[in-house]
Amino acid sequence: MPSVVKCPTCGKDVVWAPENKFRPFCSERCKQIDLGAWAAEKYVIEGKPANPAEDQQDRDDD
């Protein structure tokens, strides 16, 4: 029996199965709403700020 989870956007029950191409979301709409929230920086992942100079140095070393 497949697991049932809550859609992170709307809270609707979602069957966690390979047939559900939007999992963990219930629909394309909820998936796009979540993506938009990330793009608008409503969500963040904790960590130290990136240093563009170090990133460039890493690329130069390769």
PDB file of N, CA and C in Angstrom:
ATOM      1  N   MET A   1       0.848  -1.182   0.000  1.00  0.00           N
ATOM      2  CA  MET A   1       0.000   0.000   0.000  1.00  0.00           C
ATOM      3  C   MET A   1       0.897   1.251   0.000  1.00  0.00           C
ATOM      4  N   PRO A   2       0.699   2.160  -0.984  1.00  0.00           N
ATOM      5  CA  PRO A   2       1.529   3.369  -1.048  1.00  0.00           C
ATOM      6  C   PRO A   2       1.248   4.328   0.108  1.00  0.00           C
ATOM      7  N   SER A   3       2.265   5.094   0.457  1.00  0.00           N
ATOM      8  CA  SER A   3       2.125   6.086   1.525  1.00  0.00           C
ATOM      9  C   SER A   3       1.299   7.267   1.045  1.00  0.00           C
ATOM     10  N   VAL A   4       0.704   7.947   1.994  1.00  0.00           N
ATOM     11  CA  VAL A   4      -0.044   9.167   1.710  1.00  0.00           C
ATOM     12  C   VAL A   4       0.633  10.294   2.480  1.00  0.00           C
ATOM     13  N   VAL A   5       0.942  11.391   1.768  1.00  0.00           N
ATOM     14  CA  VAL A   5       1.581  12.554   2.381  1.00  0.00           C
ATOM     15  C   VAL A   5       0.711  13.775   2.123  1.00  0.00           C
ATOM     16  N   LYS A   6       0.995  14.852   2.807  1.00  0.00           N
ATOM     17  CA  LYS A   6       0.278  16.113   2.593  1.00  0.00           C
ATOM     18  C   LYS A   6       1.023  16.947   1.560  1.00  0.00           C
ATOM     19  N   CYS A   7       0.301  17.539   0.631  1.00  0.00           N
ATOM     20  CA  CYS A   7       0.904  18.450  -0.336  1.00  0.00           C
ATOM     21  C   CYS A   7       1.493  19.623   0.442  1.00  0.00           C
ATOM     22  N   PRO A   8       2.772  19.951   0.223  1.00  0.00           N
ATOM     23  CA  PRO A   8       3.393  21.036   0.981  1.00  0.00           C
ATOM     24  C   PRO A   8       2.781  22.408   0.700  1.00  0.00           C
ATOM     25  N   THR A   9       2.083  22.542  -0.411  1.00  0.00           N
ATOM     26  CA  THR A   9       1.496  23.834  -0.761  1.00  0.00           C
ATOM     27  C   THR A   9       0.086  24.001  -0.225  1.00  0.00           C
ATOM     28  N   CYS A  10      -0.784  23.016  -0.479  1.00  0.00           N
ATOM     29  CA  CYS A  10      -2.198  23.188  -0.108  1.00  0.00           C
ATOM     30  C   CYS A  10      -2.664  22.269   1.020  1.00  0.00           C
ATOM     31  N   GLY A  11      -1.872  21.237   1.348  1.00  0.00           N
ATOM     32  CA  GLY A  11      -2.224  20.344   2.442  1.00  0.00           C
ATOM     33  C   GLY A  11      -3.115  19.178   2.055  1.00  0.00           C
ATOM     34  N   LYS A  12      -3.459  19.058   0.777  1.00  0.00           N
ATOM     35  CA  LYS A  12      -4.303  17.949   0.312  1.00  0.00           C
ATOM     36  C   LYS A  12      -3.528  16.640   0.418  1.00  0.00           C
ATOM     37  N   ASP A  13      -4.236  15.533   0.693  1.00  0.00           N
ATOM     38  CA  ASP A  13      -3.604  14.218   0.729  1.00  0.00           C
ATOM     39  C   ASP A  13      -3.116  13.840  -0.668  1.00  0.00           C
ATOM     40  N   VAL A  14      -1.876  13.308  -0.729  1.00  0.00           N
ATOM     41  CA  VAL A  14      -1.264  12.916  -1.994  1.00  0.00           C
ATOM     42  C   VAL A  14      -0.722  11.498  -1.839  1.00  0.00           C
ATOM     43  N   VAL A  15      -1.033  10.635  -2.792  1.00  0.00           N
ATOM     44  CA  VAL A  15      -0.488   9.284  -2.786  1.00  0.00           C
ATOM     45  C   VAL A  15       0.945   9.350  -3.296  1.00  0.00           C
ATOM     46  N   TRP A  16       1.891   8.822  -2.501  1.00  0.00           N
ATOM     47  CA  TRP A  16       3.302   8.818  -2.873  1.00  0.00           C
ATOM     48  C   TRP A  16       3.550   7.547  -3.683  1.00  0.00           C
ATOM     49  N   ALA A  17       3.385   7.674  -5.001  1.00  0.00           N
ATOM     50  CA  ALA A  17       3.562   6.540  -5.900  1.00  0.00           C
ATOM     51  C   ALA A  17       4.169   7.035  -7.208  1.00  0.00           C
ATOM     52  N   PRO A  18       4.863   6.167  -7.932  1.00  0.00           N
ATOM     53  CA  PRO A  18       5.495   6.568  -9.188  1.00  0.00           C
ATOM     54  C   PRO A  18       4.502   7.160 -10.201  1.00  0.00           C
ATOM     55  N   GLU A  19       3.254   6.778 -10.128  1.00  0.00           N
ATOM     56  CA  GLU A  19       2.246   7.293 -11.058  1.00  0.00           C
ATOM     57  C   GLU A  19       1.965   8.781 -10.835  1.00  0.00           C
ATOM     58  N   ASN A  20       2.254   9.281  -9.631  1.00  0.00           N
ATOM     59  CA  ASN A  20       2.010  10.694  -9.339  1.00  0.00           C
ATOM     60  C   ASN A  20       3.248  11.483  -9.737  1.00  0.00           C
ATOM     61  N   LYS A  21       3.236  12.063 -10.934  1.00  0.00           N
ATOM     62  CA  LYS A  21       4.421  12.759 -11.442  1.00  0.00           C
ATOM     63  C   LYS A  21       4.688  14.084 -10.734  1.00  0.00           C
ATOM     64  N   PHE A  22       3.756  14.555  -9.913  1.00  0.00           N
ATOM     65  CA  PHE A  22       3.942  15.823  -9.203  1.00  0.00           C
ATOM     66  C   PHE A  22       4.358  15.644  -7.750  1.00  0.00           C
ATOM     67  N   ARG A  23       4.489  14.410  -7.277  1.00  0.00           N
ATOM     68  CA  ARG A  23       4.781  14.194  -5.865  1.00  0.00           C
ATOM     69  C   ARG A  23       6.016  14.960  -5.427  1.00  0.00           C
ATOM     70  N   PRO A  24       6.058  15.562  -4.307  1.00  0.00           N
ATOM     71  CA  PRO A  24       5.112  15.469  -3.198  1.00  0.00           C
ATOM     72  C   PRO A  24       3.918  16.406  -3.335  1.00  0.00           C
ATOM     73  N   PHE A  25       3.801  17.072  -4.481  1.00  0.00           N
ATOM     74  CA  PHE A  25       2.686  18.005  -4.689  1.00  0.00           C
ATOM     75  C   PHE A  25       1.487  17.270  -5.262  1.00  0.00           C
ATOM     76  N   CYS A  26       0.318  17.881  -5.131  1.00  0.00           N
ATOM     77  CA  CYS A  26      -0.896  17.247  -5.645  1.00  0.00           C
ATOM     78  C   CYS A  26      -1.138  17.579  -7.106  1.00  0.00           C
ATOM     79  N   SER A  27      -0.516  18.649  -7.598  1.00  0.00           N
ATOM     80  CA  SER A  27      -0.781  19.076  -8.972  1.00  0.00           C
ATOM     81  C   SER A  27       0.362  19.937  -9.500  1.00  0.00           C
ATOM     82  N   GLU A  28       0.336  20.188 -10.797  1.00  0.00           N
ATOM     83  CA  GLU A  28       1.304  21.085 -11.426  1.00  0.00           C
ATOM     84  C   GLU A  28       1.193  22.474 -10.816  1.00  0.00           C
ATOM     85  N   ARG A  29      -0.021  22.911 -10.533  1.00  0.00           N
ATOM     86  CA  ARG A  29      -0.241  24.241  -9.951  1.00  0.00           C
ATOM     87  C   ARG A  29       0.500  24.394  -8.622  1.00  0.00           C
ATOM     88  N   CYS A  30       0.336  23.435  -7.728  1.00  0.00           N
ATOM     89  CA  CYS A  30       1.005  23.510  -6.422  1.00  0.00           C
ATOM     90  C   CYS A  30       2.518  23.440  -6.582  1.00  0.00           C
ATOM     91  N   LYS A  31       2.989  22.647  -7.536  1.00  0.00           N
ATOM     92  CA  LYS A  31       4.417  22.561  -7.807  1.00  0.00           C
ATOM     93  C   LYS A  31       4.957  23.914  -8.262  1.00  0.00           C
ATOM     94  N   GLN A  32       4.232  24.597  -9.140  1.00  0.00           N
ATOM     95  CA  GLN A  32       4.665  25.901  -9.651  1.00  0.00           C
ATOM     96  C   GLN A  32       4.603  26.984  -8.576  1.00  0.00           C
ATOM     97  N   ILE A  33       3.616  26.918  -7.702  1.00  0.00           N
ATOM     98  CA  ILE A  33       3.525  27.871  -6.595  1.00  0.00           C
ATOM     99  C   ILE A  33       4.756  27.742  -5.706  1.00  0.00           C
ATOM    100  N   ASP A  34       5.153  26.504  -5.411  1.00  0.00           N
ATOM    101  CA  ASP A  34       6.335  26.269  -4.585  1.00  0.00           C
ATOM    102  C   ASP A  34       7.600  26.768  -5.287  1.00  0.00           C
ATOM    103  N   LEU A  35       7.739  26.492  -6.566  1.00  0.00           N
ATOM    104  CA  LEU A  35       8.892  26.957  -7.323  1.00  0.00           C
ATOM    105  C   LEU A  35       8.961  28.483  -7.319  1.00  0.00           C
ATOM    106  N   GLY A  36       7.811  29.136  -7.474  1.00  0.00           N
ATOM    107  CA  GLY A  36       7.761  30.597  -7.437  1.00  0.00           C
ATOM    108  C   GLY A  36       8.196  31.154  -6.091  1.00  0.00           C
ATOM    109  N   ALA A  37       7.832  30.468  -5.021  1.00  0.00           N
ATOM    110  CA  ALA A  37       8.241  30.914  -3.682  1.00  0.00           C
ATOM    111  C   ALA A  37       9.760  30.829  -3.532  1.00  0.00           C
ATOM    112  N   TRP A  38      10.374  29.777  -4.060  1.00  0.00           N
ATOM    113  CA  TRP A  38      11.837  29.673  -4.028  1.00  0.00           C
ATOM    114  C   TRP A  38      12.457  30.792  -4.851  1.00  0.00           C
ATOM    115  N   ALA A  39      11.894  31.049  -6.041  1.00  0.00           N
ATOM    116  CA  ALA A  39      12.442  32.088  -6.922  1.00  0.00           C
ATOM    117  C   ALA A  39      12.325  33.473  -6.290  1.00  0.00           C
ATOM    118  N   ALA A  40      11.270  33.690  -5.510  1.00  0.00           N
ATOM    119  CA  ALA A  40      11.067  34.970  -4.836  1.00  0.00           C
ATOM    120  C   ALA A  40      11.842  35.049  -3.516  1.00  0.00           C
ATOM    121  N   GLU A  41      12.638  34.014  -3.245  1.00  0.00           N
ATOM    122  CA  GLU A  41      13.455  33.923  -2.032  1.00  0.00           C
ATOM    123  C   GLU A  41      12.636  33.957  -0.742  1.00  0.00           C
ATOM    124  N   LYS A  42      11.425  33.371  -0.799  1.00  0.00           N
ATOM    125  CA  LYS A  42      10.615  33.229   0.412  1.00  0.00           C
ATOM    126  C   LYS A  42      11.152  32.091   1.280  1.00  0.00           C
ATOM    127  N   TYR A  43      11.878  31.163   0.662  1.00  0.00           N
ATOM    128  CA  TYR A  43      12.533  30.079   1.374  1.00  0.00           C
ATOM    129  C   TYR A  43      14.040  30.294   1.252  1.00  0.00           C
ATOM    130  N   VAL A  44      14.764  29.941   2.283  1.00  0.00           N
ATOM    131  CA  VAL A  44      16.222  30.005   2.229  1.00  0.00           C
ATOM    132  C   VAL A  44      16.804  28.771   2.908  1.00  0.00           C
ATOM    133  N   ILE A  45      17.987  28.407   2.487  1.00  0.00           N
ATOM    134  CA  ILE A  45      18.722  27.323   3.123  1.00  0.00           C
ATOM    135  C   ILE A  45      19.849  27.978   3.910  1.00  0.00           C
ATOM    136  N   GLU A  46      19.878  27.702   5.204  1.00  0.00           N
ATOM    137  CA  GLU A  46      20.878  28.310   6.081  1.00  0.00           C
ATOM    138  C   GLU A  46      22.287  27.951   5.631  1.00  0.00           C
ATOM    139  N   GLY A  47      23.185  28.868   5.783  1.00  0.00           N
ATOM    140  CA  GLY A  47      24.589  28.638   5.465  1.00  0.00           C
ATOM    141  C   GLY A  47      25.303  29.959   5.380  1.00  0.00           C
ATOM    142  N   LYS A  48      26.607  29.892   5.290  1.00  0.00           N
ATOM    143  CA  LYS A  48      27.364  31.136   5.197  1.00  0.00           C
ATOM    144  C   LYS A  48      27.211  31.707   3.784  1.00  0.00           C
ATOM    145  N   PRO A  49      27.240  33.021   3.651  1.00  0.00           N
ATOM    146  CA  PRO A  49      27.083  33.645   2.340  1.00  0.00           C
ATOM    147  C   PRO A  49      28.200  33.211   1.389  1.00  0.00           C
ATOM    148  N   ALA A  50      27.846  33.096   0.136  1.00  0.00           N
ATOM    149  CA  ALA A  50      28.832  32.721  -0.877  1.00  0.00           C
ATOM    150  C   ALA A  50      29.794  33.869  -1.107  1.00  0.00           C
ATOM    151  N   ASN A  51      31.030  33.525  -1.420  1.00  0.00           N
ATOM    152  CA  ASN A  51      32.044  34.519  -1.735  1.00  0.00           C
ATOM    153  C   ASN A  51      32.374  34.374  -3.223  1.00  0.00           C
ATOM    154  N   PRO A  52      31.877  35.286  -4.076  1.00  0.00           N
ATOM    155  CA  PRO A  52      32.112  35.159  -5.520  1.00  0.00           C
ATOM    156  C   PRO A  52      33.591  35.079  -5.887  1.00  0.00           C
ATOM    157  N   ALA A  53      34.474  35.745  -5.141  1.00  0.00           N
ATOM    158  CA  ALA A  53      35.905  35.701  -5.430  1.00  0.00           C
ATOM    159  C   ALA A  53      36.453  34.281  -5.248  1.00  0.00           C
ATOM    160  N   GLU A  54      36.014  33.592  -4.194  1.00  0.00           N
ATOM    161  CA  GLU A  54      36.451  32.213  -3.974  1.00  0.00           C
ATOM    162  C   GLU A  54      35.932  31.299  -5.068  1.00  0.00           C
ATOM    163  N   ASP A  55      34.681  31.514  -5.493  1.00  0.00           N
ATOM    164  CA  ASP A  55      34.110  30.695  -6.566  1.00  0.00           C
ATOM    165  C   ASP A  55      34.931  30.858  -7.849  1.00  0.00           C
ATOM    166  N   GLN A  56      35.307  32.085  -8.175  1.00  0.00           N
ATOM    167  CA  GLN A  56      36.102  32.333  -9.373  1.00  0.00           C
ATOM    168  C   GLN A  56      37.478  31.682  -9.242  1.00  0.00           C
ATOM    169  N   GLN A  57      38.088  31.771  -8.066  1.00  0.00           N
ATOM    170  CA  GLN A  57      39.403  31.163  -7.834  1.00  0.00           C
ATOM    171  C   GLN A  57      39.323  29.657  -8.039  1.00  0.00           C
ATOM    172  N   ASP A  58      38.229  29.020  -7.538  1.00  0.00           N
ATOM    173  CA  ASP A  58      38.052  27.585  -7.715  1.00  0.00           C
ATOM    174  C   ASP A  58      37.986  27.224  -9.197  1.00  0.00           C
ATOM    175  N   ARG A  59      37.287  28.043  -9.993  1.00  0.00           N
ATOM    176  CA  ARG A  59      37.180  27.792 -11.426  1.00  0.00           C
ATOM    177  C   ARG A  59      38.530  27.983 -12.108  1.00  0.00           C
ATOM    178  N   ASP A  60      39.274  28.994 -11.685  1.00  0.00           N
ATOM    179  CA  ASP A  60      40.586  29.264 -12.279  1.00  0.00           C
ATOM    180  C   ASP A  60      41.573  28.143 -12.006  1.00  0.00           C
ATOM    181  N   ASP A  61      41.444  27.495 -10.825  1.00  0.00           N
ATOM    182  CA  ASP A  61      42.358  26.409 -10.443  1.00  0.00           C
ATOM    183  C   ASP A  61      42.131  25.147 -11.270  1.00  0.00           C
ATOM    184  N   ASP A  62      40.925  25.012 -11.836  1.00  0.00           N
ATOM    185  CA  ASP A  62      40.610  23.805 -12.632  1.00  0.00           C
ATOM    186  C   ASP A  62      41.258  23.929 -13.958  1.00  0.00           C
TER     187      ASP A  62
END
